C-alpha atoms as a PDB file:
ATOM      1  CA  UNK A   1      -6.566  -1.951 -11.023  1.00  0.00           C
ATOM      2  CA  UNK A   2      -8.366  -5.238 -11.355  1.00  0.00           C
ATOM      3  CA  UNK A   3      -7.081  -8.064  -9.115  1.00  0.00           C
ATOM      4  CA  UNK A   4      -7.612 -11.693 -10.156  1.00  0.00           C
ATOM      5  CA  UNK A   5      -6.807 -14.417  -7.624  1.00  0.00           C
ATOM      6  CA  UNK A   6      -6.626 -18.057  -8.687  1.00  0.00           C
ATOM      7  CA  UNK A   7      -6.214 -21.014  -6.341  1.00  0.00           C
ATOM      8  CA  UNK A   8      -6.360 -24.114  -8.560  1.00  0.00           C
ATOM      9  CA  UNK A   9      -5.198 -26.671  -5.974  1.00  0.00           C
ATOM     10  CA  UNK A  10      -7.304 -25.698  -2.966  1.00  0.00           C
ATOM     11  CA  UNK A  11     -10.144 -23.516  -1.609  1.00  0.00           C
ATOM     12  CA  UNK A  12      -8.617 -20.358  -0.115  1.00  0.00           C
ATOM     13  CA  UNK A  13      -9.812 -18.851   3.162  1.00  0.00           C
ATOM     14  CA  UNK A  14     -11.445 -15.443   2.892  1.00  0.00           C
ATOM     15  CA  UNK A  15      -8.755 -13.985   5.172  1.00  0.00           C
ATOM     16  CA  UNK A  16      -6.064 -15.084   2.691  1.00  0.00           C
ATOM     17  CA  UNK A  17      -7.964 -13.569  -0.229  1.00  0.00           C
ATOM     18  CA  UNK A  18      -8.420 -10.300   1.697  1.00  0.00           C
ATOM     19  CA  UNK A  19      -4.692 -10.269   2.558  1.00  0.00           C
ATOM     20  CA  UNK A  20      -3.708 -10.747  -1.093  1.00  0.00           C
ATOM     21  CA  UNK A  21      -6.145  -8.064  -2.321  1.00  0.00           C
ATOM     22  CA  UNK A  22      -4.860  -5.581   0.265  1.00  0.00           C
ATOM     23  CA  UNK A  23      -1.165  -6.164  -0.491  1.00  0.00           C
ATOM     24  CA  UNK A  24      -1.489  -6.278  -4.280  1.00  0.00           C
ATOM     25  CA  UNK A  25      -3.834  -3.282  -4.236  1.00  0.00           C
ATOM     26  CA  UNK A  26      -1.087  -1.170  -2.662  1.00  0.00           C
ATOM     27  CA  UNK A  27       1.023  -1.647  -5.805  1.00  0.00           C
ATOM     28  CA  UNK A  28      -1.417   0.603  -7.652  1.00  0.00           C
ATOM     29  CA  UNK A  29      -0.065   3.586  -5.729  1.00  0.00           C
ATOM     30  CA  UNK A  30       3.357   3.018  -7.346  1.00  0.00           C
ATOM     31  CA  UNK A  31       2.089   3.320 -10.919  1.00  0.00           C
ATOM     32  CA  UNK A  32      -1.214   4.345 -12.472  1.00  0.00           C
ATOM     33  CA  UNK A  33      -0.363   2.328 -15.591  1.00  0.00           C
ATOM     34  CA  UNK A  34      -1.032  -1.050 -13.943  1.00  0.00           C
ATOM     35  CA  UNK A  35      -4.196  -2.465 -15.486  1.00  0.00           C
ATOM     36  CA  UNK A  36      -4.418  -5.808 -13.761  1.00  0.00           C
ATOM     37  CA  UNK A  37      -2.785  -7.901 -11.067  1.00  0.00           C
ATOM     38  CA  UNK A  38      -3.024 -11.670 -11.511  1.00  0.00           C
ATOM     39  CA  UNK A  39      -2.173 -13.760  -8.462  1.00  0.00           C
ATOM     40  CA  UNK A  40      -1.842 -17.537  -8.634  1.00  0.00           C
ATOM     41  CA  UNK A  41      -1.542 -19.437  -5.336  1.00  0.00           C
ATOM     42  CA  UNK A  42      -0.423 -23.049  -5.652  1.00  0.00           C
ATOM     43  CA  UNK A  43       0.614 -25.954  -3.476  1.00  0.00           C
ATOM     44  CA  UNK A  44       3.830 -27.791  -4.346  1.00  0.00           C
ATOM     45  CA  UNK A  45       4.024 -31.550  -3.775  1.00  0.00           C
ATOM     46  CA  UNK A  46       7.408 -31.335  -2.071  1.00  0.00           C
ATOM     47  CA  UNK A  47       8.383 -32.994   1.188  1.00  0.00           C
ATOM     48  CA  UNK A  48       9.702 -29.745   2.660  1.00  0.00           C
ATOM     49  CA  UNK A  49       7.590 -27.279   4.606  1.00  0.00           C
ATOM     50  CA  UNK A  50       8.094 -24.634   1.946  1.00  0.00           C
ATOM     51  CA  UNK A  51       5.370 -25.894  -0.356  1.00  0.00           C
ATOM     52  CA  UNK A  52       3.286 -22.738  -0.870  1.00  0.00           C
ATOM     53  CA  UNK A  53       3.881 -20.865  -4.137  1.00  0.00           C
ATOM     54  CA  UNK A  54       2.716 -17.376  -5.067  1.00  0.00           C
ATOM     55  CA  UNK A  55       3.001 -16.062  -8.622  1.00  0.00           C
ATOM     56  CA  UNK A  56       2.167 -12.430  -9.344  1.00  0.00           C
ATOM     57  CA  UNK A  57       1.840 -10.939 -12.802  1.00  0.00           C
ATOM     58  CA  UNK A  58       1.251  -7.212 -13.220  1.00  0.00           C
ATOM     59  CA  UNK A  59      -0.235  -6.286 -16.581  1.00  0.00           C
ATOM     60  CA  UNK A  60       1.147  -2.969 -17.822  1.00  0.00           C
ATOM     61  CA  UNK A  61       0.641  -1.810 -21.430  1.00  0.00           C
ATOM     62  CA  UNK A  62       3.693  -2.863 -23.406  1.00  0.00           C
ATOM     63  CA  UNK A  63       5.428  -4.535 -20.455  1.00  0.00           C
ATOM     64  CA  UNK A  64       4.263  -7.178 -17.962  1.00  0.00           C
ATOM     65  CA  UNK A  65       6.048  -7.858 -14.679  1.00  0.00           C
ATOM     66  CA  UNK A  66       6.212 -11.317 -13.105  1.00  0.00           C
ATOM     67  CA  UNK A  67       7.502 -12.744  -9.829  1.00  0.00           C
ATOM     68  CA  UNK A  68       7.189 -16.160  -8.230  1.00  0.00           C
ATOM     69  CA  UNK A  69       8.222 -17.094  -4.702  1.00  0.00           C
ATOM     70  CA  UNK A  70       7.924 -20.215  -2.565  1.00  0.00           C
ATOM     71  CA  UNK A  71       7.639 -20.209   1.230  1.00  0.00           C
ATOM     72  CA  UNK A  72       6.219 -22.050   4.237  1.00  0.00           C
ATOM     73  CA  UNK A  73       3.056 -19.882   4.307  1.00  0.00           C
ATOM     74  CA  UNK A  74       1.062 -18.188   1.580  1.00  0.00           C
ATOM     75  CA  UNK A  75       1.346 -14.885   3.422  1.00  0.00           C
ATOM     76  CA  UNK A  76       5.163 -15.015   3.298  1.00  0.00           C
ATOM     77  CA  UNK A  77       5.157 -16.112  -0.338  1.00  0.00           C
ATOM     78  CA  UNK A  78       2.783 -13.259  -1.256  1.00  0.00           C
ATOM     79  CA  UNK A  79       4.908 -10.677   0.579  1.00  0.00           C
ATOM     80  CA  UNK A  80       8.135 -11.914  -1.025  1.00  0.00           C
ATOM     81  CA  UNK A  81       6.528 -11.883  -4.489  1.00  0.00           C
ATOM     82  CA  UNK A  82       5.221  -8.357  -3.940  1.00  0.00           C
ATOM     83  CA  UNK A  83       8.683  -7.179  -2.872  1.00  0.00           C
ATOM     84  CA  UNK A  84      10.170  -8.680  -6.048  1.00  0.00           C
ATOM     85  CA  UNK A  85       7.505  -7.135  -8.304  1.00  0.00           C
ATOM     86  CA  UNK A  86       7.890  -3.791  -6.529  1.00  0.00           C
ATOM     87  CA  UNK A  87      11.629  -3.849  -7.272  1.00  0.00           C
ATOM     88  CA  UNK A  88      10.942  -4.648 -10.942  1.00  0.00           C
ATOM     89  CA  UNK A  89       8.341  -1.871 -11.099  1.00  0.00           C
ATOM     90  CA  UNK A  90      10.810   0.671  -9.697  1.00  0.00           C
ATOM     91  CA  UNK A  91      13.457  -0.410 -12.233  1.00  0.00           C
ATOM     92  CA  UNK A  92      10.898  -0.182 -15.040  1.00  0.00           C
ATOM     93  CA  UNK A  93       9.864   3.324 -13.971  1.00  0.00           C
ATOM     94  CA  UNK A  94      13.521   4.427 -13.793  1.00  0.00           C
ATOM     95  CA  UNK A  95      14.157   3.145 -17.305  1.00  0.00           C
ATOM     96  CA  UNK A  96      11.207   5.177 -18.610  1.00  0.00           C
ATOM     97  CA  UNK A  97      12.649   8.467 -17.320  1.00  0.00           C
END
């Protein structure tokens, strides 16, 4: 699986990039049909502390999965997005049986 990480609003630390690659890479063990994982990390211009947004799109032939979560840290937003995509992936696999 190819992992593409985009951070249009800021320069990401290498530790954050490594964290995202590790967590998203684990999704590959759930399905061998995943071709690509696209992760978009953005900053929201809100006054609240929860201004970090993570969007994950898994590219699967014939069906793409998408989740977006907002949190106070990128790590939390990434983990919440992965949990949401994992749930969608499990539902998708059940519907294929």
